[in-house]
N, C-alpha and C. Protein backbone atom coordinates (compact mmCIF):
# COMPACT_ATOMS: atom_id res chain seq x y z
N MET A 1 -14.41 -11.79 -8.88
CA MET A 1 -13.45 -12.19 -7.94
C MET A 1 -11.96 -12.08 -8.48
N PHE A 2 -11.13 -11.95 -7.51
CA PHE A 2 -9.73 -11.91 -7.82
C PHE A 2 -8.87 -12.80 -6.97
N THR A 3 -7.51 -12.78 -7.06
CA THR A 3 -6.67 -13.46 -6.16
C THR A 3 -5.77 -12.77 -5.28
N GLY A 4 -5.61 -11.42 -5.71
CA GLY A 4 -4.75 -10.57 -5.00
C GLY A 4 -3.16 -10.80 -5.44
N ILE A 5 -2.99 -11.50 -6.60
CA ILE A 5 -1.75 -11.65 -7.20
C ILE A 5 -1.69 -10.53 -8.24
N VAL A 6 -0.87 -9.57 -8.16
CA VAL A 6 -0.90 -8.44 -9.03
C VAL A 6 -0.33 -9.04 -10.40
N ALA A 7 -1.05 -8.72 -11.37
CA ALA A 7 -0.65 -9.18 -12.89
C ALA A 7 0.31 -8.17 -13.53
N ALA A 8 0.13 -6.91 -13.23
CA ALA A 8 0.99 -5.87 -13.84
C ALA A 8 0.82 -4.56 -13.05
N VAL A 9 1.80 -3.76 -13.17
CA VAL A 9 1.80 -2.26 -12.77
C VAL A 9 1.46 -1.43 -13.92
N GLY A 10 0.32 -0.80 -13.78
CA GLY A 10 -0.17 0.12 -14.96
C GLY A 10 0.06 1.56 -14.32
N LYS A 11 -0.47 2.51 -15.07
CA LYS A 11 -0.49 4.04 -14.58
C LYS A 11 -1.67 4.61 -14.97
N ILE A 12 -2.19 5.40 -13.92
CA ILE A 12 -3.38 6.30 -14.24
C ILE A 12 -2.82 7.46 -14.89
N SER A 13 -3.19 7.62 -16.17
CA SER A 13 -2.54 8.65 -17.06
C SER A 13 -3.32 10.00 -17.06
N SER A 14 -4.61 9.90 -16.63
CA SER A 14 -5.47 11.11 -16.53
C SER A 14 -6.64 10.96 -15.71
N VAL A 15 -7.11 12.05 -15.03
CA VAL A 15 -8.16 11.83 -14.08
C VAL A 15 -9.19 13.10 -14.46
N GLN A 16 -10.33 12.68 -14.95
CA GLN A 16 -11.16 13.67 -15.53
C GLN A 16 -12.55 13.71 -14.77
N PRO A 17 -12.98 14.79 -14.21
CA PRO A 17 -14.23 15.00 -13.41
C PRO A 17 -15.38 14.59 -14.30
N LEU A 18 -16.39 13.77 -13.67
CA LEU A 18 -17.54 13.36 -14.50
C LEU A 18 -18.57 14.59 -14.34
N ALA A 19 -19.44 14.69 -15.20
CA ALA A 19 -20.52 15.82 -15.09
C ALA A 19 -21.34 15.63 -13.87
N GLY A 20 -21.54 16.67 -13.18
CA GLY A 20 -22.34 16.59 -11.95
C GLY A 20 -21.79 17.42 -10.85
N GLY A 21 -20.62 18.11 -11.04
CA GLY A 21 -20.00 18.92 -9.99
C GLY A 21 -19.14 18.14 -8.97
N LEU A 22 -18.99 18.77 -7.81
CA LEU A 22 -18.25 18.30 -6.81
C LEU A 22 -18.59 16.92 -6.27
N GLU A 23 -19.94 16.68 -6.33
CA GLU A 23 -20.32 15.33 -5.84
C GLU A 23 -20.25 14.22 -6.79
N ALA A 24 -19.84 14.55 -8.01
CA ALA A 24 -19.76 13.50 -9.02
C ALA A 24 -18.32 12.87 -8.82
N GLY A 25 -18.25 11.70 -9.65
CA GLY A 25 -16.92 10.97 -9.43
C GLY A 25 -15.92 11.35 -10.64
N VAL A 26 -15.05 10.48 -11.01
CA VAL A 26 -14.05 10.87 -12.00
C VAL A 26 -13.92 9.57 -12.95
N ARG A 27 -13.49 9.99 -14.16
CA ARG A 27 -13.08 8.96 -15.09
C ARG A 27 -11.62 8.81 -15.07
N LEU A 28 -11.09 7.57 -14.93
CA LEU A 28 -9.59 7.39 -14.98
C LEU A 28 -9.37 6.76 -16.34
N ASP A 29 -8.24 7.39 -16.95
CA ASP A 29 -7.69 6.67 -18.14
C ASP A 29 -6.48 5.88 -17.66
N ILE A 30 -6.27 4.68 -17.98
CA ILE A 30 -5.08 3.93 -17.35
C ILE A 30 -4.42 3.16 -18.50
N ASP A 31 -3.14 3.45 -18.48
CA ASP A 31 -2.23 2.77 -19.32
C ASP A 31 -1.97 1.34 -18.66
N ALA A 32 -2.23 0.24 -19.44
CA ALA A 32 -2.26 -0.96 -18.87
C ALA A 32 -0.81 -1.66 -18.73
N GLY A 33 0.18 -0.93 -19.27
CA GLY A 33 1.60 -1.51 -19.10
C GLY A 33 1.54 -2.81 -19.77
N PRO A 34 2.21 -3.82 -19.13
CA PRO A 34 2.41 -5.14 -19.70
C PRO A 34 1.17 -5.95 -19.61
N LEU A 35 0.07 -5.49 -18.93
CA LEU A 35 -1.24 -6.24 -18.91
C LEU A 35 -1.91 -6.36 -20.23
N SER A 36 -2.03 -7.68 -20.66
CA SER A 36 -2.79 -7.82 -21.87
C SER A 36 -4.34 -7.48 -21.79
N LEU A 37 -4.85 -6.83 -22.74
CA LEU A 37 -6.23 -6.47 -22.79
C LEU A 37 -6.98 -7.28 -23.88
N ASP A 38 -6.32 -8.11 -24.44
CA ASP A 38 -6.98 -8.89 -25.57
C ASP A 38 -8.18 -9.65 -25.17
N ASP A 39 -8.27 -10.11 -23.92
CA ASP A 39 -9.48 -10.90 -23.59
C ASP A 39 -10.46 -10.00 -22.60
N VAL A 40 -10.27 -8.64 -22.60
CA VAL A 40 -11.02 -7.80 -21.79
C VAL A 40 -12.05 -7.25 -22.65
N ALA A 41 -13.37 -7.22 -22.23
CA ALA A 41 -14.43 -6.58 -22.96
C ALA A 41 -14.97 -5.43 -22.05
N LEU A 42 -15.72 -4.45 -22.74
CA LEU A 42 -16.45 -3.53 -22.06
C LEU A 42 -17.43 -4.19 -21.07
N GLY A 43 -17.47 -3.66 -19.76
CA GLY A 43 -18.19 -4.30 -18.70
C GLY A 43 -17.39 -5.23 -17.86
N ASP A 44 -16.27 -5.74 -18.32
CA ASP A 44 -15.48 -6.52 -17.51
C ASP A 44 -14.94 -5.90 -16.21
N SER A 45 -14.39 -6.55 -15.21
CA SER A 45 -13.95 -6.07 -13.97
C SER A 45 -12.53 -6.10 -14.00
N ILE A 46 -11.73 -5.03 -13.59
CA ILE A 46 -10.36 -5.16 -13.20
C ILE A 46 -10.20 -4.39 -11.95
N ALA A 47 -9.21 -4.99 -11.02
CA ALA A 47 -9.03 -4.42 -9.82
C ALA A 47 -7.80 -3.47 -10.00
N ILE A 48 -8.04 -2.19 -9.40
CA ILE A 48 -7.10 -1.16 -9.56
C ILE A 48 -6.65 -0.80 -8.00
N ASN A 49 -5.49 -1.21 -7.70
CA ASN A 49 -5.06 -0.99 -6.13
C ASN A 49 -6.16 -1.70 -5.32
N GLY A 50 -6.63 -2.78 -5.75
CA GLY A 50 -7.57 -3.44 -4.98
C GLY A 50 -8.95 -3.26 -5.02
N ALA A 51 -9.29 -2.19 -5.79
CA ALA A 51 -10.81 -1.76 -5.85
C ALA A 51 -11.29 -2.34 -7.18
N CYS A 52 -12.40 -3.13 -7.26
CA CYS A 52 -12.88 -3.59 -8.46
C CYS A 52 -13.66 -2.48 -9.16
N MET A 53 -13.23 -2.20 -10.55
CA MET A 53 -13.85 -1.34 -11.27
C MET A 53 -14.20 -1.87 -12.67
N THR A 54 -15.18 -1.14 -13.39
CA THR A 54 -15.78 -1.61 -14.61
C THR A 54 -15.08 -0.95 -15.67
N VAL A 55 -14.69 -1.59 -16.81
CA VAL A 55 -14.09 -1.07 -17.94
C VAL A 55 -15.26 -0.55 -18.76
N VAL A 56 -15.09 0.78 -19.05
CA VAL A 56 -16.11 1.61 -19.93
C VAL A 56 -15.58 1.96 -21.26
N GLU A 57 -14.39 1.96 -21.46
CA GLU A 57 -13.75 2.20 -22.73
C GLU A 57 -12.39 1.43 -22.82
N LYS A 58 -11.94 1.04 -23.92
CA LYS A 58 -10.65 0.34 -24.06
C LYS A 58 -9.92 0.39 -25.32
N THR A 59 -8.74 0.50 -25.43
CA THR A 59 -7.90 0.31 -26.68
C THR A 59 -7.08 -0.87 -26.52
N ALA A 60 -6.02 -0.97 -27.37
CA ALA A 60 -5.24 -2.20 -27.32
C ALA A 60 -4.26 -2.16 -26.14
N SER A 61 -4.01 -0.94 -25.59
CA SER A 61 -3.12 -0.89 -24.39
C SER A 61 -3.43 -0.10 -23.27
N ALA A 62 -4.76 0.36 -23.35
CA ALA A 62 -5.31 1.17 -22.24
C ALA A 62 -6.77 1.00 -22.02
N PHE A 63 -7.32 1.44 -20.86
CA PHE A 63 -8.62 1.28 -20.68
C PHE A 63 -9.13 2.47 -19.62
N SER A 64 -10.46 2.60 -19.68
CA SER A 64 -11.00 3.73 -18.75
C SER A 64 -12.00 3.14 -17.82
N VAL A 65 -12.13 3.67 -16.66
CA VAL A 65 -13.11 3.43 -15.67
C VAL A 65 -13.80 4.56 -15.00
N ASP A 66 -15.06 4.39 -14.74
CA ASP A 66 -15.71 5.59 -13.94
C ASP A 66 -15.73 5.20 -12.39
N VAL A 67 -15.29 6.08 -11.61
CA VAL A 67 -15.11 5.90 -10.26
C VAL A 67 -16.07 6.87 -9.51
N SER A 68 -17.05 6.42 -8.74
CA SER A 68 -18.09 7.12 -8.10
C SER A 68 -17.48 7.96 -6.95
N ARG A 69 -18.15 9.00 -6.51
CA ARG A 69 -17.63 9.88 -5.35
C ARG A 69 -17.49 9.00 -4.18
N GLU A 70 -18.50 8.05 -3.96
CA GLU A 70 -18.47 7.03 -2.80
C GLU A 70 -17.23 6.18 -2.82
N SER A 71 -16.89 5.71 -4.01
CA SER A 71 -15.67 4.97 -4.08
C SER A 71 -14.49 5.81 -3.78
N LEU A 72 -14.45 6.97 -4.30
CA LEU A 72 -13.18 7.98 -4.00
C LEU A 72 -13.12 8.10 -2.56
N ASN A 73 -14.21 8.25 -1.79
CA ASN A 73 -14.25 8.68 -0.37
C ASN A 73 -13.72 7.49 0.35
N CYS A 74 -13.89 6.29 -0.15
CA CYS A 74 -13.55 5.02 0.74
C CYS A 74 -12.20 4.39 0.20
N THR A 75 -11.58 4.95 -0.77
CA THR A 75 -10.16 4.34 -1.23
C THR A 75 -9.22 5.35 -1.25
N ALA A 76 -7.88 4.97 -1.54
CA ALA A 76 -6.82 5.64 -1.65
C ALA A 76 -6.08 5.49 -2.94
N GLY A 77 -5.48 6.48 -3.63
CA GLY A 77 -4.75 6.18 -4.85
C GLY A 77 -5.57 6.23 -6.07
N LEU A 78 -6.76 6.56 -6.04
CA LEU A 78 -7.60 6.52 -7.31
C LEU A 78 -7.97 7.95 -7.79
N ASP A 79 -7.43 8.94 -7.34
CA ASP A 79 -7.84 10.29 -7.62
C ASP A 79 -6.65 11.02 -8.22
N ALA A 80 -5.47 10.45 -8.56
CA ALA A 80 -4.40 11.20 -9.10
C ALA A 80 -3.62 10.35 -10.03
N VAL A 81 -2.87 11.05 -10.88
CA VAL A 81 -1.95 10.24 -11.82
C VAL A 81 -0.91 9.61 -11.06
N GLY A 82 -0.58 8.41 -11.44
CA GLY A 82 0.41 7.54 -10.77
C GLY A 82 0.32 6.07 -11.00
N GLU A 83 1.29 5.35 -10.56
CA GLU A 83 1.33 3.80 -10.72
C GLU A 83 0.31 3.13 -10.03
N VAL A 84 -0.23 2.12 -10.50
CA VAL A 84 -1.38 1.36 -9.78
C VAL A 84 -1.13 -0.10 -9.86
N ASN A 85 -1.58 -0.91 -9.01
CA ASN A 85 -1.52 -2.39 -9.26
C ASN A 85 -2.77 -2.88 -9.86
N LEU A 86 -2.58 -3.71 -10.95
CA LEU A 86 -3.73 -4.22 -11.82
C LEU A 86 -3.91 -5.60 -11.77
N GLU A 87 -5.01 -6.17 -11.63
CA GLU A 87 -5.53 -7.55 -11.84
C GLU A 87 -6.69 -7.80 -12.61
N LYS A 88 -6.80 -8.60 -13.51
CA LYS A 88 -8.03 -8.94 -14.22
C LYS A 88 -8.81 -9.94 -13.30
N ALA A 89 -10.05 -9.85 -13.45
CA ALA A 89 -10.92 -10.91 -12.73
C ALA A 89 -10.60 -12.29 -13.10
N LEU A 90 -10.41 -13.18 -12.07
CA LEU A 90 -10.08 -14.45 -12.36
C LEU A 90 -11.10 -15.31 -13.11
N THR A 91 -10.64 -16.48 -13.77
CA THR A 91 -11.52 -17.42 -14.29
C THR A 91 -11.40 -18.68 -13.58
N LEU A 92 -12.32 -19.55 -13.78
CA LEU A 92 -12.19 -20.88 -13.08
C LEU A 92 -11.06 -21.79 -13.60
N ALA A 93 -10.37 -21.46 -14.71
CA ALA A 93 -9.25 -22.13 -15.11
C ALA A 93 -7.96 -21.85 -14.69
N GLU A 94 -8.02 -20.70 -13.76
CA GLU A 94 -6.68 -20.12 -13.12
C GLU A 94 -6.30 -20.72 -11.85
N ARG A 95 -4.93 -20.68 -11.59
CA ARG A 95 -4.53 -21.05 -10.29
C ARG A 95 -4.87 -19.97 -9.27
N LEU A 96 -5.27 -20.37 -8.12
CA LEU A 96 -5.52 -19.46 -7.05
C LEU A 96 -4.39 -19.18 -6.24
N GLY A 97 -3.43 -18.40 -6.74
CA GLY A 97 -2.22 -18.27 -6.06
C GLY A 97 -2.17 -17.39 -4.71
N GLY A 98 -3.09 -16.47 -4.64
CA GLY A 98 -3.24 -15.82 -3.33
C GLY A 98 -4.33 -16.29 -2.57
N HIS A 99 -5.47 -15.48 -2.29
CA HIS A 99 -6.62 -16.08 -1.75
C HIS A 99 -7.90 -15.31 -2.46
N LEU A 100 -9.03 -15.84 -2.16
CA LEU A 100 -10.22 -15.27 -2.77
C LEU A 100 -10.45 -13.88 -2.29
N VAL A 101 -10.46 -12.94 -3.24
CA VAL A 101 -10.53 -11.47 -3.12
C VAL A 101 -11.73 -10.91 -3.90
N SER A 102 -12.55 -10.10 -3.19
CA SER A 102 -13.71 -9.42 -3.94
C SER A 102 -13.45 -8.20 -4.70
N GLY A 103 -12.46 -7.45 -4.26
CA GLY A 103 -12.18 -6.13 -4.77
C GLY A 103 -12.94 -5.09 -4.17
N HIS A 104 -13.58 -5.44 -2.96
CA HIS A 104 -14.32 -4.43 -2.27
C HIS A 104 -13.52 -4.01 -1.03
N VAL A 105 -13.08 -2.67 -1.20
CA VAL A 105 -12.17 -2.09 -0.08
C VAL A 105 -13.06 -1.95 1.18
N ASP A 106 -12.39 -2.55 2.37
CA ASP A 106 -13.23 -2.49 3.64
C ASP A 106 -12.71 -1.31 4.45
N GLY A 107 -11.61 -0.84 4.27
CA GLY A 107 -11.32 0.30 5.02
C GLY A 107 -9.85 0.87 4.58
N LEU A 108 -9.52 2.02 5.04
CA LEU A 108 -8.19 2.60 4.69
C LEU A 108 -7.18 2.46 5.91
N GLY A 109 -6.02 2.00 5.63
CA GLY A 109 -5.00 1.96 6.67
C GLY A 109 -3.95 2.92 6.41
N THR A 110 -3.01 3.13 7.40
CA THR A 110 -1.88 4.06 7.24
C THR A 110 -0.74 3.35 7.59
N VAL A 111 0.29 3.57 6.72
CA VAL A 111 1.63 2.86 6.97
C VAL A 111 2.30 3.42 8.21
N HIS A 112 2.56 2.65 9.21
CA HIS A 112 3.32 3.11 10.32
C HIS A 112 4.73 3.01 10.18
N ARG A 113 5.22 1.96 9.52
CA ARG A 113 6.70 1.77 9.19
C ARG A 113 6.84 0.94 8.04
N PHE A 114 7.88 1.34 7.30
CA PHE A 114 8.21 0.45 6.10
C PHE A 114 9.68 0.52 5.86
N GLU A 115 10.46 -0.56 6.21
CA GLU A 115 11.97 -0.58 6.27
C GLU A 115 12.45 -1.86 5.92
N ALA A 116 13.69 -1.92 5.31
CA ALA A 116 14.39 -3.17 4.95
C ALA A 116 14.76 -3.85 6.25
N VAL A 117 14.59 -5.20 6.21
CA VAL A 117 14.92 -6.12 7.19
C VAL A 117 15.77 -7.42 6.39
N GLY A 118 17.00 -7.27 6.56
CA GLY A 118 17.74 -8.34 5.68
C GLY A 118 17.44 -8.11 4.29
N GLU A 119 17.21 -9.19 3.71
CA GLU A 119 16.86 -9.18 2.18
C GLU A 119 15.31 -8.84 2.02
N SER A 120 14.48 -8.83 3.02
CA SER A 120 13.00 -8.61 2.84
C SER A 120 12.80 -7.15 3.34
N TRP A 121 11.53 -6.79 3.32
CA TRP A 121 11.06 -5.57 3.94
C TRP A 121 9.86 -5.81 4.90
N GLU A 122 9.74 -5.05 6.04
CA GLU A 122 8.81 -5.02 6.94
C GLU A 122 7.83 -3.89 6.74
N LEU A 123 6.47 -4.26 6.46
CA LEU A 123 5.43 -3.30 6.31
C LEU A 123 4.50 -3.41 7.56
N VAL A 124 4.38 -2.20 8.23
CA VAL A 124 3.55 -2.23 9.50
C VAL A 124 2.56 -1.04 9.10
N ILE A 125 1.26 -1.66 9.37
CA ILE A 125 0.20 -0.75 8.95
C ILE A 125 -0.80 -0.54 10.15
N ASP A 126 -1.34 0.69 10.31
CA ASP A 126 -2.46 0.83 11.23
C ASP A 126 -3.76 0.75 10.70
N ALA A 127 -4.54 -0.23 11.15
CA ALA A 127 -5.93 -0.36 10.51
C ALA A 127 -6.95 0.28 11.45
N PRO A 128 -8.11 0.56 10.99
CA PRO A 128 -9.19 1.00 11.87
C PRO A 128 -9.56 -0.05 13.01
N ARG A 129 -10.04 0.35 14.07
CA ARG A 129 -10.36 -0.69 14.94
C ARG A 129 -11.55 -1.62 14.62
N GLU A 130 -12.31 -1.20 13.80
CA GLU A 130 -13.52 -2.04 13.30
C GLU A 130 -12.92 -3.27 12.43
N LEU A 131 -11.80 -3.09 11.98
CA LEU A 131 -11.29 -4.23 11.15
C LEU A 131 -10.37 -5.16 12.00
N ALA A 132 -10.14 -4.95 13.31
CA ALA A 132 -9.29 -5.66 14.19
C ALA A 132 -9.73 -7.11 14.23
N LYS A 133 -10.97 -7.35 14.40
CA LYS A 133 -11.48 -8.73 14.49
C LYS A 133 -11.28 -9.62 13.29
N PHE A 134 -10.90 -9.01 12.10
CA PHE A 134 -10.74 -9.81 10.93
C PHE A 134 -9.25 -10.00 10.68
N LEU A 135 -8.40 -9.52 11.52
CA LEU A 135 -7.03 -9.65 11.24
C LEU A 135 -6.45 -10.49 12.26
N ALA A 136 -5.69 -11.59 11.72
CA ALA A 136 -5.28 -12.68 12.59
C ALA A 136 -3.79 -13.25 12.19
N PHE A 137 -2.99 -13.51 13.04
CA PHE A 137 -1.70 -14.02 12.87
C PHE A 137 -1.77 -15.15 11.80
N LYS A 138 -1.13 -15.08 10.86
CA LYS A 138 -1.00 -15.93 9.69
C LYS A 138 -2.24 -15.90 8.73
N GLY A 139 -3.16 -14.94 9.04
CA GLY A 139 -4.29 -14.76 8.27
C GLY A 139 -4.02 -14.03 6.91
N SER A 140 -4.97 -13.76 6.13
CA SER A 140 -4.72 -13.07 4.84
C SER A 140 -5.33 -11.62 4.79
N VAL A 141 -4.61 -10.76 4.09
CA VAL A 141 -5.28 -9.43 4.05
C VAL A 141 -4.79 -8.96 2.68
N VAL A 142 -5.46 -8.02 2.06
CA VAL A 142 -5.11 -7.40 0.84
C VAL A 142 -4.90 -5.96 1.05
N VAL A 143 -3.59 -5.61 0.55
CA VAL A 143 -3.10 -4.20 0.80
C VAL A 143 -2.88 -3.67 -0.67
N ASN A 144 -3.57 -2.69 -1.19
CA ASN A 144 -3.52 -2.05 -2.41
C ASN A 144 -3.68 -3.20 -3.50
N GLY A 145 -4.45 -4.18 -3.28
CA GLY A 145 -4.75 -5.16 -4.34
C GLY A 145 -3.78 -6.39 -4.10
N VAL A 146 -2.86 -6.32 -3.23
CA VAL A 146 -1.83 -7.47 -3.05
C VAL A 146 -2.27 -8.38 -1.97
N SER A 147 -2.30 -9.58 -2.23
CA SER A 147 -2.59 -10.58 -1.13
C SER A 147 -1.37 -10.88 -0.39
N LEU A 148 -1.57 -10.72 0.93
CA LEU A 148 -0.39 -10.79 1.95
C LEU A 148 -0.80 -11.50 3.16
N THR A 149 0.21 -11.98 3.92
CA THR A 149 0.08 -12.73 5.18
C THR A 149 0.48 -12.01 6.34
N VAL A 150 -0.38 -11.86 7.32
CA VAL A 150 -0.07 -11.07 8.51
C VAL A 150 0.79 -11.95 9.44
N ASN A 151 1.99 -11.19 9.74
CA ASN A 151 2.90 -11.90 10.60
C ASN A 151 2.70 -11.57 12.11
N ARG A 152 2.20 -10.40 12.33
CA ARG A 152 1.96 -9.96 13.80
C ARG A 152 0.83 -8.93 13.90
N VAL A 153 -0.06 -9.10 14.89
CA VAL A 153 -1.09 -8.10 15.06
C VAL A 153 -1.38 -7.79 16.41
N GLU A 154 -1.55 -6.52 16.70
CA GLU A 154 -1.86 -6.13 18.09
C GLU A 154 -2.71 -4.93 18.17
N ASP A 155 -3.64 -4.87 19.16
CA ASP A 155 -4.50 -3.67 19.34
C ASP A 155 -3.72 -2.69 20.25
N ILE A 156 -3.68 -1.50 19.84
CA ILE A 156 -2.97 -0.37 20.58
C ILE A 156 -3.80 0.68 20.94
N ASP A 157 -3.42 1.53 21.83
CA ASP A 157 -4.15 2.69 22.35
C ASP A 157 -4.56 3.64 21.11
N GLY A 158 -5.65 4.32 21.28
CA GLY A 158 -6.17 5.20 20.22
C GLY A 158 -6.97 4.47 19.14
N GLY A 159 -7.58 3.41 19.42
CA GLY A 159 -8.58 2.71 18.60
C GLY A 159 -7.86 2.24 17.24
N VAL A 160 -6.64 1.67 17.35
CA VAL A 160 -6.00 1.24 16.15
C VAL A 160 -5.53 -0.26 16.31
N CYS A 161 -5.70 -0.89 15.17
CA CYS A 161 -5.16 -2.38 15.17
C CYS A 161 -4.03 -2.22 14.24
N ARG A 162 -2.69 -2.57 14.86
CA ARG A 162 -1.50 -2.57 14.15
C ARG A 162 -1.02 -3.82 13.79
N PHE A 163 -0.75 -4.08 12.54
CA PHE A 163 -0.32 -5.43 11.92
C PHE A 163 0.91 -5.31 11.04
N SER A 164 1.72 -6.35 11.07
CA SER A 164 3.01 -6.36 10.32
C SER A 164 3.03 -7.43 9.22
N ILE A 165 3.70 -7.14 8.10
CA ILE A 165 3.64 -7.95 7.01
C ILE A 165 5.13 -8.08 6.51
N ASN A 166 5.61 -9.24 6.07
CA ASN A 166 6.89 -9.29 5.52
C ASN A 166 6.74 -9.43 4.11
N LEU A 167 7.58 -8.54 3.27
CA LEU A 167 7.49 -8.55 1.88
C LEU A 167 8.85 -9.16 1.32
N ILE A 168 8.68 -10.14 0.47
CA ILE A 168 9.88 -10.49 -0.23
C ILE A 168 10.29 -9.66 -1.37
N PRO A 169 11.51 -9.74 -1.84
CA PRO A 169 12.01 -8.82 -2.90
C PRO A 169 11.13 -8.94 -4.13
N HIS A 170 10.72 -10.16 -4.38
CA HIS A 170 9.81 -10.24 -5.74
C HIS A 170 8.52 -9.37 -5.63
N THR A 171 7.92 -9.50 -4.44
CA THR A 171 6.71 -8.54 -4.28
C THR A 171 7.02 -7.04 -4.42
N ILE A 172 8.21 -6.75 -3.81
CA ILE A 172 8.57 -5.24 -4.01
C ILE A 172 8.76 -4.86 -5.42
N SER A 173 9.32 -5.84 -6.17
CA SER A 173 9.79 -5.48 -7.52
C SER A 173 8.59 -5.48 -8.52
N VAL A 174 7.57 -6.25 -8.29
CA VAL A 174 6.40 -6.27 -9.22
C VAL A 174 5.14 -5.59 -8.81
N THR A 175 5.17 -4.84 -7.69
CA THR A 175 4.02 -4.20 -7.29
C THR A 175 4.34 -2.57 -6.93
N THR A 176 3.31 -1.86 -6.63
CA THR A 176 3.68 -0.50 -6.24
C THR A 176 3.88 -0.35 -4.81
N LEU A 177 3.93 -1.40 -4.08
CA LEU A 177 4.14 -1.34 -2.61
C LEU A 177 5.58 -0.66 -2.26
N LYS A 178 6.49 -0.74 -3.34
CA LYS A 178 7.85 -0.15 -3.14
C LYS A 178 7.77 1.30 -2.83
N HIS A 179 6.72 2.00 -3.27
CA HIS A 179 6.55 3.52 -3.18
C HIS A 179 6.01 3.88 -1.80
N LEU A 180 5.60 2.95 -0.99
CA LEU A 180 5.06 3.34 0.28
C LEU A 180 6.08 3.87 1.25
N ARG A 181 5.48 4.78 2.01
CA ARG A 181 6.29 5.42 3.05
C ARG A 181 5.44 5.59 4.37
N ALA A 182 6.06 5.90 5.55
CA ALA A 182 5.21 6.12 6.67
C ALA A 182 4.33 7.27 6.37
N GLY A 183 3.05 7.05 6.76
CA GLY A 183 2.09 8.12 6.50
C GLY A 183 1.19 7.81 5.26
N SER A 184 1.57 6.89 4.42
CA SER A 184 0.87 6.59 3.14
C SER A 184 -0.34 5.92 3.53
N ARG A 185 -1.38 6.23 2.74
CA ARG A 185 -2.72 5.64 3.08
C ARG A 185 -2.79 4.41 1.97
N VAL A 186 -3.36 3.30 2.52
CA VAL A 186 -3.51 2.13 1.64
C VAL A 186 -4.90 1.57 1.71
N ASN A 187 -5.31 0.88 0.71
CA ASN A 187 -6.62 0.27 0.49
C ASN A 187 -6.48 -1.06 1.23
N LEU A 188 -7.43 -1.52 2.17
CA LEU A 188 -7.46 -2.74 2.87
C LEU A 188 -8.76 -3.63 2.50
N GLU A 189 -8.53 -4.87 2.27
CA GLU A 189 -9.66 -5.79 2.31
C GLU A 189 -9.37 -6.90 3.15
N ILE A 190 -10.41 -7.08 3.99
CA ILE A 190 -10.25 -8.28 4.86
C ILE A 190 -10.48 -9.69 4.29
N ASP A 191 -10.17 -10.81 4.85
CA ASP A 191 -10.30 -12.00 4.22
C ASP A 191 -11.85 -12.29 4.14
N LEU A 192 -12.19 -12.83 2.93
CA LEU A 192 -13.68 -12.97 2.70
C LEU A 192 -14.28 -14.13 3.60
N ILE A 193 -13.65 -15.11 4.02
CA ILE A 193 -14.16 -16.11 4.89
C ILE A 193 -14.44 -15.53 6.26
N ALA A 194 -13.37 -14.71 6.77
CA ALA A 194 -13.56 -14.00 8.06
C ALA A 194 -14.82 -13.13 8.09
N ARG A 195 -15.15 -12.54 6.95
CA ARG A 195 -16.31 -11.65 6.91
C ARG A 195 -17.57 -12.45 7.20
N TYR A 196 -17.69 -13.63 6.57
CA TYR A 196 -18.79 -14.53 6.77
C TYR A 196 -18.92 -15.12 8.09
N VAL A 197 -17.75 -15.51 8.63
CA VAL A 197 -17.78 -16.18 9.99
C VAL A 197 -18.32 -15.17 11.02
N GLU A 198 -17.83 -13.97 10.84
CA GLU A 198 -18.14 -12.89 11.84
C GLU A 198 -19.76 -12.64 11.64
N ARG A 199 -20.29 -12.63 10.46
CA ARG A 199 -21.61 -12.40 10.26
C ARG A 199 -22.45 -13.53 10.89
N MET A 200 -22.12 -14.88 10.58
CA MET A 200 -22.71 -16.04 11.21
C MET A 200 -22.70 -15.97 12.80
N LEU A 201 -21.54 -15.63 13.42
CA LEU A 201 -21.46 -15.41 14.73
C LEU A 201 -22.45 -14.39 15.41
N SER A 202 -22.52 -13.27 14.72
CA SER A 202 -23.23 -12.11 15.20
C SER A 202 -24.74 -12.47 15.13
N VAL A 203 -25.22 -13.26 14.15
CA VAL A 203 -26.53 -13.63 14.06
C VAL A 203 -26.97 -14.64 15.10
N GLN A 204 -26.02 -15.60 15.44
CA GLN A 204 -26.28 -16.45 16.52
C GLN A 204 -26.50 -15.86 17.85
N LYS A 205 -25.71 -14.75 18.14
CA LYS A 205 -25.80 -14.07 19.36
C LYS A 205 -27.06 -13.16 19.45
N ALA A 206 -27.65 -12.82 18.34
CA ALA A 206 -28.84 -12.00 18.39
C ALA A 206 -30.03 -12.75 19.03
């Protein structure tokens, strides 16, 4: 489990295909940047741009993960060298600053607009229609591993759910969201509680 509060910005330094041809996944070597790995062991989980991955190798300042083809098909930003948001799995002794996050990407969104508004930034994302019922005004959503609050949500033509988020300068400065542009693909995870409420309601109707 995670909180969606990014601990550090690291960098994918290399992407190496795993044995098995085109249907195989990749091994990512990641420079952890300022993220301390002293308490990280092989087999531990680290969220990379919101996707929970297992550490298979590590040094004092870097670690490696294997990403399956299925995970690559369902996420964005895990197949090329570049900066990534990092968060270690939470412990029961930590503050829950964001919200409960599983690290399981529910779908890919597309940035519709990203622009400065006063001192803050407005991030507008088009999400798949199947995620619409999980997105609510003042509800929580994870974008590339960052726990955020939905300020506005609407269903528009073309099977798209469009929602808006306000980003304060601090969030811009300590995450990779600063690199987003119109057309960028982002990893989305809906609120964990909303997921279970939807499941309970669907069972009651059956």
